[in-house]
Amino acid sequence: MKLTDIIEPGSIVAKLSSTDRDEAILELINQLVDSGVAPASIKDELIERVLDRERKHSTGFGRGVAVPHVKHAEINKITAAVGISSEGIDFNSLDKQPVYTIFLLLSPQDRPEEHLQAMEIIFKNLSKETFRRSLRQSSTSEEIHEFLDDADNHRLGG
């Protein structure tokens, strides 16, 4: 599994307009619905499930990154949205620092192994300082998608 297998070009928000966690989650889920990747019929339920999870345990794991995620029976294909915030968003992260990069992952309810595989590939890349920095410096969704493709194909330095 590669990042570009789960992140469609239309699921990237290069400049999040949101300034808080809940708005950012809403903006990313709207992007997934608007791009046709997630069904509009479950949008409100997805938002509520992701926010409920965040209220219980933050998915801001530190170093400026958050990976909110949810499984749902009506999601047929594992998919993710990526959002970049230039200002930083309070995600109640473990390190108490703002989040600049959000990967919001939606997974089919009945395929937990794919969910874990997607989380692994996301975290593997996000653990690299050069990946996080370069992602934040990308200014368009096209640049971000090209960057993700470069990461998938080991064309990044560092």
C-alpha atoms as a PDB file:
ATOM      1  CA  MET A   1       0.000   0.000   0.000  1.00  0.00           C
ATOM      2  CA  LYS A   2       1.197   3.473  -0.894  1.00  0.00           C
ATOM      3  CA  LEU A   3       0.096   6.960   0.148  1.00  0.00           C
ATOM      4  CA  THR A   4      -1.196   7.671  -3.345  1.00  0.00           C
ATOM      5  CA  ASP A   5      -3.310   4.491  -3.180  1.00  0.00           C
ATOM      6  CA  ILE A   6      -5.356   6.035  -0.378  1.00  0.00           C
ATOM      7  CA  ILE A   7      -5.063   9.789  -1.055  1.00  0.00           C
ATOM      8  CA  GLU A   8      -6.810  10.996  -4.206  1.00  0.00           C
ATOM      9  CA  PRO A   9      -5.708  14.371  -5.631  1.00  0.00           C
ATOM     10  CA  GLY A  10      -9.196  15.738  -4.908  1.00  0.00           C
ATOM     11  CA  SER A  11      -8.846  14.828  -1.218  1.00  0.00           C
ATOM     12  CA  ILE A  12      -6.025  17.299  -0.532  1.00  0.00           C
ATOM     13  CA  VAL A  13      -6.501  20.717   1.053  1.00  0.00           C
ATOM     14  CA  ALA A  14      -3.228  22.602   0.620  1.00  0.00           C
ATOM     15  CA  LYS A  15      -4.410  25.550   2.708  1.00  0.00           C
ATOM     16  CA  LEU A  16      -6.929  24.701   5.407  1.00  0.00           C
ATOM     17  CA  SER A  17      -9.159  27.674   6.181  1.00  0.00           C
ATOM     18  CA  SER A  18     -10.074  26.169   9.557  1.00  0.00           C
ATOM     19  CA  THR A  19      -8.504  27.500  12.716  1.00  0.00           C
ATOM     20  CA  ASP A  20      -9.625  24.839  15.210  1.00  0.00           C
ATOM     21  CA  ARG A  21      -9.694  21.052  15.400  1.00  0.00           C
ATOM     22  CA  ASP A  22     -13.418  20.526  14.884  1.00  0.00           C
ATOM     23  CA  GLU A  23     -13.553  22.890  11.893  1.00  0.00           C
ATOM     24  CA  ALA A  24     -10.506  21.199  10.319  1.00  0.00           C
ATOM     25  CA  ILE A  25     -12.096  17.759  10.670  1.00  0.00           C
ATOM     26  CA  LEU A  26     -15.318  19.099   9.128  1.00  0.00           C
ATOM     27  CA  GLU A  27     -13.357  20.715   6.282  1.00  0.00           C
ATOM     28  CA  LEU A  28     -11.492  17.478   5.494  1.00  0.00           C
ATOM     29  CA  ILE A  29     -14.596  15.285   5.622  1.00  0.00           C
ATOM     30  CA  ASN A  30     -16.380  17.791   3.363  1.00  0.00           C
ATOM     31  CA  GLN A  31     -13.440  17.531   0.967  1.00  0.00           C
ATOM     32  CA  LEU A  32     -13.742  13.726   0.923  1.00  0.00           C
ATOM     33  CA  VAL A  33     -17.494  13.965   0.254  1.00  0.00           C
ATOM     34  CA  ASP A  34     -17.162  16.752  -2.343  1.00  0.00           C
ATOM     35  CA  SER A  35     -14.511  14.785  -4.237  1.00  0.00           C
ATOM     36  CA  GLY A  36     -16.817  11.752  -4.331  1.00  0.00           C
ATOM     37  CA  VAL A  37     -14.559   9.562  -2.208  1.00  0.00           C
ATOM     38  CA  ALA A  38     -16.933   9.329   0.774  1.00  0.00           C
ATOM     39  CA  PRO A  39     -20.731   9.044   0.539  1.00  0.00           C
ATOM     40  CA  ALA A  40     -22.639  12.229   1.376  1.00  0.00           C
ATOM     41  CA  SER A  41     -25.293  10.131   3.131  1.00  0.00           C
ATOM     42  CA  ILE A  42     -22.935   9.378   6.047  1.00  0.00           C
ATOM     43  CA  LYS A  43     -21.142  12.734   6.261  1.00  0.00           C
ATOM     44  CA  ASP A  44     -22.739  13.802   9.542  1.00  0.00           C
ATOM     45  CA  GLU A  45     -22.098  10.394  11.098  1.00  0.00           C
ATOM     46  CA  LEU A  46     -18.439  10.466  10.022  1.00  0.00           C
ATOM     47  CA  ILE A  47     -18.003  13.927  11.514  1.00  0.00           C
ATOM     48  CA  GLU A  48     -19.616  12.870  14.800  1.00  0.00           C
ATOM     49  CA  ARG A  49     -17.551   9.678  15.055  1.00  0.00           C
ATOM     50  CA  VAL A  50     -14.257  11.432  14.368  1.00  0.00           C
ATOM     51  CA  LEU A  51     -15.038  14.251  16.809  1.00  0.00           C
ATOM     52  CA  ASP A  52     -16.188  11.774  19.458  1.00  0.00           C
ATOM     53  CA  ARG A  53     -12.893   9.921  19.121  1.00  0.00           C
ATOM     54  CA  GLU A  54     -10.952  13.183  19.412  1.00  0.00           C
ATOM     55  CA  ARG A  55     -12.833  14.132  22.581  1.00  0.00           C
ATOM     56  CA  LYS A  56     -11.814  10.818  24.150  1.00  0.00           C
ATOM     57  CA  HIS A  57      -8.225  10.614  22.861  1.00  0.00           C
ATOM     58  CA  SER A  58      -6.438  13.135  20.695  1.00  0.00           C
ATOM     59  CA  THR A  59      -4.962  11.855  17.455  1.00  0.00           C
ATOM     60  CA  GLY A  60      -2.410  14.673  17.539  1.00  0.00           C
ATOM     61  CA  PHE A  61       0.647  12.561  18.194  1.00  0.00           C
ATOM     62  CA  GLY A  62       3.159  15.403  18.219  1.00  0.00           C
ATOM     63  CA  ARG A  63       5.684  16.985  15.869  1.00  0.00           C
ATOM     64  CA  GLY A  64       2.945  19.051  14.220  1.00  0.00           C
ATOM     65  CA  VAL A  65       0.909  16.094  12.984  1.00  0.00           C
ATOM     66  CA  ALA A  66      -2.537  14.606  13.644  1.00  0.00           C
ATOM     67  CA  VAL A  67      -4.080  11.471  12.143  1.00  0.00           C
ATOM     68  CA  PRO A  68      -7.803  11.352  12.962  1.00  0.00           C
ATOM     69  CA  HIS A  69      -9.329   8.102  11.739  1.00  0.00           C
ATOM     70  CA  VAL A  70     -12.571   6.157  11.757  1.00  0.00           C
ATOM     71  CA  LYS A  71     -13.951   2.879  10.430  1.00  0.00           C
ATOM     72  CA  HIS A  72     -17.423   2.744   8.898  1.00  0.00           C
ATOM     73  CA  ALA A  73     -19.519   0.006   7.270  1.00  0.00           C
ATOM     74  CA  GLU A  74     -20.410   2.221   4.296  1.00  0.00           C
ATOM     75  CA  ILE A  75     -16.815   3.047   3.416  1.00  0.00           C
ATOM     76  CA  ASN A  76     -15.877   0.594   0.662  1.00  0.00           C
ATOM     77  CA  LYS A  77     -12.281   1.635   0.014  1.00  0.00           C
ATOM     78  CA  ILE A  78      -9.693   2.893   2.445  1.00  0.00           C
ATOM     79  CA  THR A  79      -9.159   6.580   1.770  1.00  0.00           C
ATOM     80  CA  ALA A  80      -7.628   9.639   3.361  1.00  0.00           C
ATOM     81  CA  ALA A  81      -7.672  13.409   3.107  1.00  0.00           C
ATOM     82  CA  VAL A  82      -4.647  15.582   3.745  1.00  0.00           C
ATOM     83  CA  GLY A  83      -4.873  19.117   5.070  1.00  0.00           C
ATOM     84  CA  ILE A  84      -2.110  21.640   5.717  1.00  0.00           C
ATOM     85  CA  SER A  85      -2.495  24.554   8.136  1.00  0.00           C
ATOM     86  CA  SER A  86       0.011  27.388   7.899  1.00  0.00           C
ATOM     87  CA  GLU A  87      -1.091  28.840  11.249  1.00  0.00           C
ATOM     88  CA  GLY A  88      -1.235  25.606  13.228  1.00  0.00           C
ATOM     89  CA  ILE A  89      -4.263  24.121  14.981  1.00  0.00           C
ATOM     90  CA  ASP A  90      -4.659  23.124  18.627  1.00  0.00           C
ATOM     91  CA  PHE A  91      -5.317  19.374  18.515  1.00  0.00           C
ATOM     92  CA  ASN A  92      -4.542  18.742  22.192  1.00  0.00           C
ATOM     93  CA  SER A  93      -1.440  16.931  20.943  1.00  0.00           C
ATOM     94  CA  LEU A  94       0.765  14.833  23.164  1.00  0.00           C
ATOM     95  CA  ASP A  95       3.578  17.393  22.912  1.00  0.00           C
ATOM     96  CA  LYS A  96       1.142  20.344  23.403  1.00  0.00           C
ATOM     97  CA  GLN A  97       2.345  21.854  20.091  1.00  0.00           C
ATOM     98  CA  PRO A  98       0.096  23.018  17.236  1.00  0.00           C
ATOM     99  CA  VAL A  99      -0.723  20.688  14.349  1.00  0.00           C
ATOM    100  CA  TYR A 100       0.186  21.769  10.815  1.00  0.00           C
ATOM    101  CA  THR A 101      -0.446  18.534   8.916  1.00  0.00           C
ATOM    102  CA  ILE A 102      -3.591  16.398   9.210  1.00  0.00           C
ATOM    103  CA  PHE A 103      -4.155  13.020   7.583  1.00  0.00           C
ATOM    104  CA  LEU A 104      -7.817  12.043   8.070  1.00  0.00           C
ATOM    105  CA  LEU A 105      -8.265   8.323   7.380  1.00  0.00           C
ATOM    106  CA  LEU A 106     -11.546   6.551   6.586  1.00  0.00           C
ATOM    107  CA  SER A 107     -11.518   2.747   6.565  1.00  0.00           C
ATOM    108  CA  PRO A 108     -14.002  -0.030   5.794  1.00  0.00           C
ATOM    109  CA  GLN A 109     -15.408  -1.491   9.012  1.00  0.00           C
ATOM    110  CA  ASP A 110     -14.682  -5.086   8.009  1.00  0.00           C
ATOM    111  CA  ARG A 111     -11.043  -4.723   6.898  1.00  0.00           C
ATOM    112  CA  PRO A 112      -9.004  -3.888  10.012  1.00  0.00           C
ATOM    113  CA  GLU A 113      -5.785  -5.200   8.466  1.00  0.00           C
ATOM    114  CA  GLU A 114      -5.998  -2.581   5.700  1.00  0.00           C
ATOM    115  CA  HIS A 115      -6.636   0.106   8.319  1.00  0.00           C
ATOM    116  CA  LEU A 116      -3.488  -0.913  10.186  1.00  0.00           C
ATOM    117  CA  GLN A 117      -1.493  -1.061   6.964  1.00  0.00           C
ATOM    118  CA  ALA A 118      -2.632   2.454   6.007  1.00  0.00           C
ATOM    119  CA  MET A 119      -1.821   3.797   9.477  1.00  0.00           C
ATOM    120  CA  GLU A 120       1.624   2.196   9.250  1.00  0.00           C
ATOM    121  CA  ILE A 121       2.463   3.808   5.896  1.00  0.00           C
ATOM    122  CA  ILE A 122       1.177   7.198   7.077  1.00  0.00           C
ATOM    123  CA  PHE A 123       3.146   7.089  10.339  1.00  0.00           C
ATOM    124  CA  LYS A 124       6.271   5.738   8.637  1.00  0.00           C
ATOM    125  CA  ASN A 125       6.363   8.817   6.428  1.00  0.00           C
ATOM    126  CA  LEU A 126       5.247  11.309   9.072  1.00  0.00           C
ATOM    127  CA  SER A 127       8.007  10.155  11.406  1.00  0.00           C
ATOM    128  CA  LYS A 128      10.569  11.670   8.997  1.00  0.00           C
ATOM    129  CA  GLU A 129      11.402  15.329   9.641  1.00  0.00           C
ATOM    130  CA  THR A 130      12.174  15.981   5.959  1.00  0.00           C
ATOM    131  CA  PHE A 131       8.797  14.536   4.930  1.00  0.00           C
ATOM    132  CA  ARG A 132       6.874  16.683   7.418  1.00  0.00           C
ATOM    133  CA  ARG A 133       8.800  19.844   6.517  1.00  0.00           C
ATOM    134  CA  SER A 134       8.509  19.344   2.742  1.00  0.00           C
ATOM    135  CA  LEU A 135       4.802  18.553   2.984  1.00  0.00           C
ATOM    136  CA  ARG A 136       4.180  21.788   4.886  1.00  0.00           C
ATOM    137  CA  GLN A 137       6.133  23.765   2.286  1.00  0.00           C
ATOM    138  CA  SER A 138       3.995  22.503  -0.612  1.00  0.00           C
ATOM    139  CA  SER A 139       1.603  25.237  -1.697  1.00  0.00           C
ATOM    140  CA  THR A 140      -0.906  23.446  -3.945  1.00  0.00           C
ATOM    141  CA  SER A 141      -2.779  20.160  -3.828  1.00  0.00           C
ATOM    142  CA  GLU A 142      -1.000  19.148  -7.045  1.00  0.00           C
ATOM    143  CA  GLU A 143       2.398  19.742  -5.425  1.00  0.00           C
ATOM    144  CA  ILE A 144       1.336  17.718  -2.405  1.00  0.00           C
ATOM    145  CA  HIS A 145       0.136  14.813  -4.546  1.00  0.00           C
ATOM    146  CA  GLU A 146       3.408  14.845  -6.534  1.00  0.00           C
ATOM    147  CA  PHE A 147       5.304  14.926  -3.257  1.00  0.00           C
ATOM    148  CA  LEU A 148       3.330  11.922  -1.954  1.00  0.00           C
ATOM    149  CA  ASP A 149       4.110  10.069  -5.191  1.00  0.00           C
ATOM    150  CA  ASP A 150       7.808  10.880  -4.742  1.00  0.00           C
ATOM    151  CA  ALA A 151       7.639   9.527  -1.176  1.00  0.00           C
ATOM    152  CA  ASP A 152       5.896   6.352  -2.393  1.00  0.00           C
ATOM    153  CA  ASN A 153       8.588   5.786  -4.986  1.00  0.00           C
ATOM    154  CA  HIS A 154      11.548   6.645  -2.760  1.00  0.00           C
ATOM    155  CA  ARG A 155      12.507   9.740  -4.740  1.00  0.00           C
ATOM    156  CA  LEU A 156      12.980  11.919  -1.662  1.00  0.00           C
ATOM    157  CA  GLY A 157      16.266  12.770  -0.091  1.00  0.00           C
ATOM    158  CA  GLY A 158      16.895  12.447   3.648  1.00  0.00           C
END
